Amino acid sequence: MVDTSLGPVGREIETRVRAALSPEHLAVINDSASHRGHMGDDGTGESHFTVEVVSASFTGQSRLQRQRMVNAALGDLVSGGTVHALAIKARAPGE
């Protein structure tokens, strides 16, 4: 289920992570309000996020590999600068 309280960037993060990792749990949290006026705040209110994801895809993967998997799923949102800051909490089921 897509969280309609998220803006377009947050919803796109959710869509991409769901498509790539088929998570059992996914929370996309917009942290941008806490960074208003700081470097990287582009004024859109969608520049800083936390992604909490539990997926079987992470089983046997290191923390670094898990973060790379999430970053790969987000692609140009991260590499293109749409998302300035991203905190990732990635776990396998049962962790």
PDB file of N, CA and C in Angstrom:
ATOM      1  N   MET A   1       0.835  -1.184   0.000  1.00  0.00           N
ATOM      2  CA  MET A   1       0.000   0.000   0.000  1.00  0.00           C
ATOM      3  C   MET A   1       0.877   1.244   0.000  1.00  0.00           C
ATOM      4  N   VAL A   2       0.582   2.182  -0.880  1.00  0.00           N
ATOM      5  CA  VAL A   2       1.353   3.408  -0.988  1.00  0.00           C
ATOM      6  C   VAL A   2       0.833   4.412   0.035  1.00  0.00           C
ATOM      7  N   ASP A   3       1.749   5.037   0.738  1.00  0.00           N
ATOM      8  CA  ASP A   3       1.406   6.036   1.753  1.00  0.00           C
ATOM      9  C   ASP A   3       1.093   7.356   1.062  1.00  0.00           C
ATOM     10  N   THR A   4      -0.162   7.749   1.042  1.00  0.00           N
ATOM     11  CA  THR A   4      -0.561   8.969   0.354  1.00  0.00           C
ATOM     12  C   THR A   4      -0.128  10.231   1.086  1.00  0.00           C
ATOM     13  N   SER A   5       0.356  10.114   2.323  1.00  0.00           N
ATOM     14  CA  SER A   5       0.844  11.291   3.033  1.00  0.00           C
ATOM     15  C   SER A   5       2.233  11.690   2.538  1.00  0.00           C
ATOM     16  N   LEU A   6       2.883  10.800   1.808  1.00  0.00           N
ATOM     17  CA  LEU A   6       4.175  11.126   1.215  1.00  0.00           C
ATOM     18  C   LEU A   6       3.959  11.957  -0.042  1.00  0.00           C
ATOM     19  N   GLY A   7       4.948  12.777  -0.371  1.00  0.00           N
ATOM     20  CA  GLY A   7       4.913  13.528  -1.621  1.00  0.00           C
ATOM     21  C   GLY A   7       5.364  12.641  -2.771  1.00  0.00           C
ATOM     22  N   PRO A   8       5.505  13.206  -3.955  1.00  0.00           N
ATOM     23  CA  PRO A   8       5.861  12.415  -5.128  1.00  0.00           C
ATOM     24  C   PRO A   8       7.207  11.692  -5.010  1.00  0.00           C
ATOM     25  N   VAL A   9       8.196  12.320  -4.386  1.00  0.00           N
ATOM     26  CA  VAL A   9       9.504  11.662  -4.242  1.00  0.00           C
ATOM     27  C   VAL A   9       9.396  10.494  -3.271  1.00  0.00           C
ATOM     28  N   GLY A  10       8.753  10.693  -2.147  1.00  0.00           N
ATOM     29  CA  GLY A  10       8.571   9.622  -1.176  1.00  0.00           C
ATOM     30  C   GLY A  10       7.806   8.449  -1.757  1.00  0.00           C
ATOM     31  N   ARG A  11       6.758   8.745  -2.525  1.00  0.00           N
ATOM     32  CA  ARG A  11       5.983   7.667  -3.156  1.00  0.00           C
ATOM     33  C   ARG A  11       6.815   6.919  -4.184  1.00  0.00           C
ATOM     34  N   GLU A  12       7.664   7.639  -4.898  1.00  0.00           N
ATOM     35  CA  GLU A  12       8.532   6.988  -5.888  1.00  0.00           C
ATOM     36  C   GLU A  12       9.565   6.095  -5.199  1.00  0.00           C
ATOM     37  N   ILE A  13      10.097   6.533  -4.070  1.00  0.00           N
ATOM     38  CA  ILE A  13      11.014   5.691  -3.293  1.00  0.00           C
ATOM     39  C   ILE A  13      10.296   4.405  -2.918  1.00  0.00           C
ATOM     40  N   GLU A  14       9.090   4.530  -2.392  1.00  0.00           N
ATOM     41  CA  GLU A  14       8.319   3.357  -1.971  1.00  0.00           C
ATOM     42  C   GLU A  14       8.054   2.423  -3.156  1.00  0.00           C
ATOM     43  N   THR A  15       7.657   2.949  -4.273  1.00  0.00           N
ATOM     44  CA  THR A  15       7.359   2.148  -5.458  1.00  0.00           C
ATOM     45  C   THR A  15       8.593   1.381  -5.926  1.00  0.00           C
ATOM     46  N   ARG A  16       9.729   2.058  -5.985  1.00  0.00           N
ATOM     47  CA  ARG A  16      10.956   1.428  -6.483  1.00  0.00           C
ATOM     48  C   ARG A  16      11.471   0.345  -5.534  1.00  0.00           C
ATOM     49  N   VAL A  17      11.425   0.616  -4.230  1.00  0.00           N
ATOM     50  CA  VAL A  17      11.904  -0.388  -3.269  1.00  0.00           C
ATOM     51  C   VAL A  17      10.998  -1.616  -3.294  1.00  0.00           C
ATOM     52  N   ARG A  18       9.695  -1.402  -3.352  1.00  0.00           N
ATOM     53  CA  ARG A  18       8.754  -2.537  -3.433  1.00  0.00           C
ATOM     54  C   ARG A  18       9.018  -3.381  -4.680  1.00  0.00           C
ATOM     55  N   ALA A  19       9.214  -2.736  -5.811  1.00  0.00           N
ATOM     56  CA  ALA A  19       9.433  -3.451  -7.067  1.00  0.00           C
ATOM     57  C   ALA A  19      10.739  -4.247  -7.053  1.00  0.00           C
ATOM     58  N   ALA A  20      11.777  -3.680  -6.471  1.00  0.00           N
ATOM     59  CA  ALA A  20      13.096  -4.317  -6.504  1.00  0.00           C
ATOM     60  C   ALA A  20      13.301  -5.369  -5.430  1.00  0.00           C
ATOM     61  N   LEU A  21      12.697  -5.174  -4.241  1.00  0.00           N
ATOM     62  CA  LEU A  21      13.050  -6.005  -3.091  1.00  0.00           C
ATOM     63  C   LEU A  21      11.892  -6.784  -2.482  1.00  0.00           C
ATOM     64  N   SER A  22      10.686  -6.594  -2.963  1.00  0.00           N
ATOM     65  CA  SER A  22       9.500  -7.300  -2.433  1.00  0.00           C
ATOM     66  C   SER A  22       9.538  -7.383  -0.902  1.00  0.00           C
ATOM     67  N   PRO A  23       9.557  -6.253  -0.236  1.00  0.00           N
ATOM     68  CA  PRO A  23       9.728  -6.263   1.218  1.00  0.00           C
ATOM     69  C   PRO A  23       8.520  -6.791   1.985  1.00  0.00           C
ATOM     70  N   GLU A  24       8.829  -7.412   3.126  1.00  0.00           N
ATOM     71  CA  GLU A  24       7.785  -7.799   4.080  1.00  0.00           C
ATOM     72  C   GLU A  24       7.320  -6.579   4.865  1.00  0.00           C
ATOM     73  N   HIS A  25       8.223  -5.651   5.057  1.00  0.00           N
ATOM     74  CA  HIS A  25       7.931  -4.396   5.751  1.00  0.00           C
ATOM     75  C   HIS A  25       8.679  -3.286   5.037  1.00  0.00           C
ATOM     76  N   LEU A  26       8.012  -2.157   4.848  1.00  0.00           N
ATOM     77  CA  LEU A  26       8.657  -0.992   4.260  1.00  0.00           C
ATOM     78  C   LEU A  26       8.058   0.261   4.879  1.00  0.00           C
ATOM     79  N   ALA A  27       8.923   1.119   5.383  1.00  0.00           N
ATOM     80  CA  ALA A  27       8.504   2.429   5.867  1.00  0.00           C
ATOM     81  C   ALA A  27       9.423   3.462   5.222  1.00  0.00           C
ATOM     82  N   VAL A  28       8.815   4.424   4.556  1.00  0.00           N
ATOM     83  CA  VAL A  28       9.554   5.542   3.978  1.00  0.00           C
ATOM     84  C   VAL A  28       9.166   6.766   4.804  1.00  0.00           C
ATOM     85  N   ILE A  29      10.156   7.342   5.462  1.00  0.00           N
ATOM     86  CA  ILE A  29       9.918   8.440   6.395  1.00  0.00           C
ATOM     87  C   ILE A  29      10.588   9.699   5.841  1.00  0.00           C
ATOM     88  N   ASN A  30       9.808  10.734   5.673  1.00  0.00           N
ATOM     89  CA  ASN A  30      10.330  11.999   5.183  1.00  0.00           C
ATOM     90  C   ASN A  30      10.893  12.787   6.367  1.00  0.00           C
ATOM     91  N   ASP A  31      12.207  12.933   6.377  1.00  0.00           N
ATOM     92  CA  ASP A  31      12.911  13.648   7.449  1.00  0.00           C
ATOM     93  C   ASP A  31      13.229  15.092   7.066  1.00  0.00           C
ATOM     94  N   SER A  32      12.737  15.539   5.940  1.00  0.00           N
ATOM     95  CA  SER A  32      13.140  16.835   5.389  1.00  0.00           C
ATOM     96  C   SER A  32      12.859  18.008   6.319  1.00  0.00           C
ATOM     97  N   ALA A  33      11.740  17.974   7.039  1.00  0.00           N
ATOM     98  CA  ALA A  33      11.397  19.095   7.927  1.00  0.00           C
ATOM     99  C   ALA A  33      12.470  19.328   8.981  1.00  0.00           C
ATOM    100  N   SER A  34      13.166  18.265   9.370  1.00  0.00           N
ATOM    101  CA  SER A  34      14.230  18.387  10.375  1.00  0.00           C
ATOM    102  C   SER A  34      15.485  19.036   9.801  1.00  0.00           C
ATOM    103  N   HIS A  35      15.528  19.193   8.480  1.00  0.00           N
ATOM    104  CA  HIS A  35      16.732  19.709   7.830  1.00  0.00           C
ATOM    105  C   HIS A  35      16.461  21.000   7.066  1.00  0.00           C
ATOM    106  N   ARG A  36      15.309  21.600   7.294  1.00  0.00           N
ATOM    107  CA  ARG A  36      14.939  22.841   6.620  1.00  0.00           C
ATOM    108  C   ARG A  36      16.019  23.893   6.850  1.00  0.00           C
ATOM    109  N   GLY A  37      16.492  24.470   5.762  1.00  0.00           N
ATOM    110  CA  GLY A  37      17.515  25.504   5.844  1.00  0.00           C
ATOM    111  C   GLY A  37      18.935  24.983   5.851  1.00  0.00           C
ATOM    112  N   HIS A  38      19.119  23.672   5.982  1.00  0.00           N
ATOM    113  CA  HIS A  38      20.460  23.085   5.982  1.00  0.00           C
ATOM    114  C   HIS A  38      20.922  22.836   4.551  1.00  0.00           C
ATOM    115  N   MET A  39      22.205  22.533   4.400  1.00  0.00           N
ATOM    116  CA  MET A  39      22.747  22.195   3.098  1.00  0.00           C
ATOM    117  C   MET A  39      21.966  21.003   2.524  1.00  0.00           C
ATOM    118  N   GLY A  40      21.628  21.072   1.262  1.00  0.00           N
ATOM    119  CA  GLY A  40      20.901  19.996   0.614  1.00  0.00           C
ATOM    120  C   GLY A  40      19.407  20.178   0.636  1.00  0.00           C
ATOM    121  N   ASP A  41      18.913  21.129   1.429  1.00  0.00           N
ATOM    122  CA  ASP A  41      17.475  21.410   1.454  1.00  0.00           C
ATOM    123  C   ASP A  41      17.156  22.249   0.231  1.00  0.00           C
ATOM    124  N   ASP A  42      16.439  21.644  -0.702  1.00  0.00           N
ATOM    125  CA  ASP A  42      16.120  22.344  -1.946  1.00  0.00           C
ATOM    126  C   ASP A  42      14.786  23.085  -1.882  1.00  0.00           C
ATOM    127  N   GLY A  43      14.147  23.093  -0.723  1.00  0.00           N
ATOM    128  CA  GLY A  43      12.899  23.804  -0.552  1.00  0.00           C
ATOM    129  C   GLY A  43      11.654  23.021  -0.938  1.00  0.00           C
ATOM    130  N   THR A  44      11.825  21.807  -1.463  1.00  0.00           N
ATOM    131  CA  THR A  44      10.670  21.007  -1.888  1.00  0.00           C
ATOM    132  C   THR A  44      10.024  20.284  -0.719  1.00  0.00           C
ATOM    133  N   GLY A  45      10.761  20.139   0.370  1.00  0.00           N
ATOM    134  CA  GLY A  45      10.261  19.367   1.500  1.00  0.00           C
ATOM    135  C   GLY A  45      10.424  17.875   1.283  1.00  0.00           C
ATOM    136  N   GLU A  46      11.198  17.493   0.262  1.00  0.00           N
ATOM    137  CA  GLU A  46      11.444  16.079  -0.030  1.00  0.00           C
ATOM    138  C   GLU A  46      12.902  15.864  -0.423  1.00  0.00           C
ATOM    139  N   SER A  47      13.791  16.110   0.512  1.00  0.00           N
ATOM    140  CA  SER A  47      15.216  15.971   0.225  1.00  0.00           C
ATOM    141  C   SER A  47      15.922  14.986   1.151  1.00  0.00           C
ATOM    142  N   HIS A  48      15.336  14.693   2.295  1.00  0.00           N
ATOM    143  CA  HIS A  48      15.945  13.829   3.298  1.00  0.00           C
ATOM    144  C   HIS A  48      14.950  12.730   3.706  1.00  0.00           C
ATOM    145  N   PHE A  49      15.380  11.474   3.621  1.00  0.00           N
ATOM    146  CA  PHE A  49      14.491  10.352   3.924  1.00  0.00           C
ATOM    147  C   PHE A  49      15.193   9.277   4.737  1.00  0.00           C
ATOM    148  N   THR A  50      14.401   8.524   5.473  1.00  0.00           N
ATOM    149  CA  THR A  50      14.831   7.280   6.100  1.00  0.00           C
ATOM    150  C   THR A  50      13.999   6.179   5.471  1.00  0.00           C
ATOM    151  N   VAL A  51      14.658   5.089   5.076  1.00  0.00           N
ATOM    152  CA  VAL A  51      13.965   3.924   4.529  1.00  0.00           C
ATOM    153  C   VAL A  51      14.249   2.756   5.460  1.00  0.00           C
ATOM    154  N   GLU A  52      13.173   2.199   6.014  1.00  0.00           N
ATOM    155  CA  GLU A  52      13.263   1.000   6.845  1.00  0.00           C
ATOM    156  C   GLU A  52      12.663  -0.129   6.032  1.00  0.00           C
ATOM    157  N   VAL A  53      13.466  -1.162   5.762  1.00  0.00           N
ATOM    158  CA  VAL A  53      12.988  -2.237   4.900  1.00  0.00           C
ATOM    159  C   VAL A  53      13.428  -3.599   5.429  1.00  0.00           C
ATOM    160  N   VAL A  54      12.488  -4.533   5.435  1.00  0.00           N
ATOM    161  CA  VAL A  54      12.763  -5.927   5.790  1.00  0.00           C
ATOM    162  C   VAL A  54      12.448  -6.750   4.551  1.00  0.00           C
ATOM    163  N   SER A  55      13.448  -7.459   4.050  1.00  0.00           N
ATOM    164  CA  SER A  55      13.264  -8.227   2.827  1.00  0.00           C
ATOM    165  C   SER A  55      14.096  -9.501   2.866  1.00  0.00           C
ATOM    166  N   ALA A  56      13.525 -10.578   2.341  1.00  0.00           N
ATOM    167  CA  ALA A  56      14.264 -11.838   2.219  1.00  0.00           C
ATOM    168  C   ALA A  56      15.457 -11.671   1.287  1.00  0.00           C
ATOM    169  N   SER A  57      15.420 -10.681   0.428  1.00  0.00           N
ATOM    170  CA  SER A  57      16.547 -10.415  -0.479  1.00  0.00           C
ATOM    171  C   SER A  57      17.831 -10.097   0.279  1.00  0.00           C
ATOM    172  N   PHE A  58      17.707  -9.673   1.529  1.00  0.00           N
ATOM    173  CA  PHE A  58      18.876  -9.294   2.322  1.00  0.00           C
ATOM    174  C   PHE A  58      19.513 -10.472   3.060  1.00  0.00           C
ATOM    175  N   THR A  59      18.872 -11.632   3.049  1.00  0.00           N
ATOM    176  CA  THR A  59      19.398 -12.798   3.755  1.00  0.00           C
ATOM    177  C   THR A  59      20.793 -13.133   3.232  1.00  0.00           C
ATOM    178  N   GLY A  60      21.745 -13.230   4.137  1.00  0.00           N
ATOM    179  CA  GLY A  60      23.121 -13.566   3.770  1.00  0.00           C
ATOM    180  C   GLY A  60      23.928 -12.412   3.201  1.00  0.00           C
ATOM    181  N   GLN A  61      23.350 -11.230   3.153  1.00  0.00           N
ATOM    182  CA  GLN A  61      24.043 -10.058   2.614  1.00  0.00           C
ATOM    183  C   GLN A  61      24.619  -9.221   3.749  1.00  0.00           C
ATOM    184  N   SER A  62      25.768  -8.613   3.504  1.00  0.00           N
ATOM    185  CA  SER A  62      26.366  -7.718   4.497  1.00  0.00           C
ATOM    186  C   SER A  62      25.580  -6.405   4.539  1.00  0.00           C
ATOM    187  N   ARG A  63      25.833  -5.623   5.556  1.00  0.00           N
ATOM    188  CA  ARG A  63      25.183  -4.309   5.686  1.00  0.00           C
ATOM    189  C   ARG A  63      25.466  -3.451   4.452  1.00  0.00           C
ATOM    190  N   LEU A  64      26.707  -3.461   3.986  1.00  0.00           N
ATOM    191  CA  LEU A  64      27.087  -2.676   2.818  1.00  0.00           C
ATOM    192  C   LEU A  64      26.351  -3.168   1.570  1.00  0.00           C
ATOM    193  N   GLN A  65      26.283  -4.484   1.392  1.00  0.00           N
ATOM    194  CA  GLN A  65      25.574  -5.032   0.235  1.00  0.00           C
ATOM    195  C   GLN A  65      24.096  -4.656   0.270  1.00  0.00           C
ATOM    196  N   ARG A  66      23.501  -4.675   1.443  1.00  0.00           N
ATOM    197  CA  ARG A  66      22.085  -4.308   1.580  1.00  0.00           C
ATOM    198  C   ARG A  66      21.868  -2.850   1.199  1.00  0.00           C
ATOM    199  N   GLN A  67      22.745  -1.992   1.667  1.00  0.00           N
ATOM    200  CA  GLN A  67      22.616  -0.573   1.333  1.00  0.00           C
ATOM    201  C   GLN A  67      22.802  -0.347  -0.159  1.00  0.00           C
ATOM    202  N   ARG A  68      23.721  -1.077  -0.756  1.00  0.00           N
ATOM    203  CA  ARG A  68      23.913  -0.959  -2.203  1.00  0.00           C
ATOM    204  C   ARG A  68      22.681  -1.431  -2.968  1.00  0.00           C
ATOM    205  N   MET A  69      22.009  -2.461  -2.463  1.00  0.00           N
ATOM    206  CA  MET A  69      20.790  -2.958  -3.108  1.00  0.00           C
ATOM    207  C   MET A  69      19.682  -1.903  -3.076  1.00  0.00           C
ATOM    208  N   VAL A  70      19.539  -1.233  -1.948  1.00  0.00           N
ATOM    209  CA  VAL A  70      18.530  -0.180  -1.840  1.00  0.00           C
ATOM    210  C   VAL A  70      18.910   0.988  -2.747  1.00  0.00           C
ATOM    211  N   ASN A  71      20.165   1.394  -2.724  1.00  0.00           N
ATOM    212  CA  ASN A  71      20.612   2.494  -3.586  1.00  0.00           C
ATOM    213  C   ASN A  71      20.423   2.150  -5.061  1.00  0.00           C
ATOM    214  N   ALA A  72      20.688   0.905  -5.428  1.00  0.00           N
ATOM    215  CA  ALA A  72      20.494   0.481  -6.823  1.00  0.00           C
ATOM    216  C   ALA A  72      19.015   0.571  -7.198  1.00  0.00           C
ATOM    217  N   ALA A  73      18.139   0.188  -6.284  1.00  0.00           N
ATOM    218  CA  ALA A  73      16.705   0.266  -6.550  1.00  0.00           C
ATOM    219  C   ALA A  73      16.266   1.713  -6.766  1.00  0.00           C
ATOM    220  N   LEU A  74      16.896   2.639  -6.056  1.00  0.00           N
ATOM    221  CA  LEU A  74      16.509   4.045  -6.156  1.00  0.00           C
ATOM    222  C   LEU A  74      17.175   4.758  -7.321  1.00  0.00           C
ATOM    223  N   GLY A  75      18.282   4.206  -7.801  1.00  0.00           N
ATOM    224  CA  GLY A  75      18.941   4.718  -9.000  1.00  0.00           C
ATOM    225  C   GLY A  75      19.135   6.211  -9.020  1.00  0.00           C
ATOM    226  N   ASP A  76      18.536   6.860 -10.030  1.00  0.00           N
ATOM    227  CA  ASP A  76      18.751   8.281 -10.270  1.00  0.00           C
ATOM    228  C   ASP A  76      18.171   9.185  -9.191  1.00  0.00           C
ATOM    229  N   LEU A  77      17.284   8.680  -8.351  1.00  0.00           N
ATOM    230  CA  LEU A  77      16.783   9.519  -7.255  1.00  0.00           C
ATOM    231  C   LEU A  77      17.921   9.900  -6.316  1.00  0.00           C
ATOM    232  N   VAL A  78      18.851   8.960  -6.123  1.00  0.00           N
ATOM    233  CA  VAL A  78      19.996   9.204  -5.246  1.00  0.00           C
ATOM    234  C   VAL A  78      21.163   9.769  -6.058  1.00  0.00           C
ATOM    235  N   SER A  79      21.513   9.110  -7.149  1.00  0.00           N
ATOM    236  CA  SER A  79      22.685   9.534  -7.922  1.00  0.00           C
ATOM    237  C   SER A  79      22.470  10.869  -8.620  1.00  0.00           C
ATOM    238  N   GLY A  80      21.226  11.196  -8.935  1.00  0.00           N
ATOM    239  CA  GLY A  80      20.930  12.451  -9.621  1.00  0.00           C
ATOM    240  C   GLY A  80      20.698  13.623  -8.701  1.00  0.00           C
ATOM    241  N   GLY A  81      20.687  13.373  -7.394  1.00  0.00           N
ATOM    242  CA  GLY A  81      20.573  14.449  -6.431  1.00  0.00           C
ATOM    243  C   GLY A  81      19.163  14.822  -6.012  1.00  0.00           C
ATOM    244  N   THR A  82      18.149  14.104  -6.499  1.00  0.00           N
ATOM    245  CA  THR A  82      16.781  14.388  -6.055  1.00  0.00           C
ATOM    246  C   THR A  82      16.679  14.195  -4.552  1.00  0.00           C
ATOM    247  N   VAL A  83      17.266  13.100  -4.064  1.00  0.00           N
ATOM    248  CA  VAL A  83      17.326  12.829  -2.626  1.00  0.00           C
ATOM    249  C   VAL A  83      18.721  13.209  -2.159  1.00  0.00           C
ATOM    250  N   HIS A  84      18.792  14.181  -1.262  1.00  0.00           N
ATOM    251  CA  HIS A  84      20.093  14.658  -0.779  1.00  0.00           C
ATOM    252  C   HIS A  84      20.672  13.733   0.287  1.00  0.00           C
ATOM    253  N   ALA A  85      19.814  13.229   1.178  1.00  0.00           N
ATOM    254  CA  ALA A  85      20.284  12.387   2.275  1.00  0.00           C
ATOM    255  C   ALA A  85      19.323  11.219   2.455  1.00  0.00           C
ATOM    256  N   LEU A  86      19.910  10.034   2.639  1.00  0.00           N
ATOM    257  CA  LEU A  86      19.115   8.822   2.772  1.00  0.00           C
ATOM    258  C   LEU A  86      19.701   7.949   3.871  1.00  0.00           C
ATOM    259  N   ALA A  87      18.918   7.697   4.903  1.00  0.00           N
ATOM    260  CA  ALA A  87      19.306   6.752   5.954  1.00  0.00           C
ATOM    261  C   ALA A  87      18.611   5.441   5.628  1.00  0.00           C
ATOM    262  N   ILE A  88      19.364   4.354   5.639  1.00  0.00           N
ATOM    263  CA  ILE A  88      18.818   3.046   5.284  1.00  0.00           C
ATOM    264  C   ILE A  88      18.941   2.096   6.469  1.00  0.00           C
ATOM    265  N   LYS A  89      17.820   1.491   6.840  1.00  0.00           N
ATOM    266  CA  LYS A  89      17.792   0.464   7.859  1.00  0.00           C
ATOM    267  C   LYS A  89      17.266  -0.793   7.157  1.00  0.00           C
ATOM    268  N   ALA A  90      18.176  -1.654   6.757  1.00  0.00           N
ATOM    269  CA  ALA A  90      17.825  -2.827   5.951  1.00  0.00           C
ATOM    270  C   ALA A  90      18.091  -4.104   6.755  1.00  0.00           C
ATOM    271  N   ARG A  91      17.043  -4.931   6.901  1.00  0.00           N
ATOM    272  CA  ARG A  91      17.168  -6.162   7.665  1.00  0.00           C
ATOM    273  C   ARG A  91      16.556  -7.319   6.890  1.00  0.00           C
ATOM    274  N   ALA A  92      17.031  -8.514   7.172  1.00  0.00           N
ATOM    275  CA  ALA A  92      16.408  -9.711   6.660  1.00  0.00           C
ATOM    276  C   ALA A  92      15.306 -10.125   7.651  1.00  0.00           C
ATOM    277  N   PRO A  93      14.334 -10.894   7.222  1.00  0.00           N
ATOM    278  CA  PRO A  93      13.277 -11.345   8.151  1.00  0.00           C
ATOM    279  C   PRO A  93      13.889 -12.041   9.359  1.00  0.00           C
ATOM    280  N   GLY A  94      13.340 -11.770  10.525  1.00  0.00           N
ATOM    281  CA  GLY A  94      13.803 -12.407  11.760  1.00  0.00           C
ATOM    282  C   GLY A  94      14.943 -11.691  12.444  1.00  0.00           C
ATOM    283  N   GLU A  95      15.486 -10.666  11.827  1.00  0.00           N
ATOM    284  CA  GLU A  95      16.590  -9.916  12.459  1.00  0.00           C
ATOM    285  C   GLU A  95      16.048  -8.785  13.315  1.00  0.00           C
TER     286      GLU A  95
END
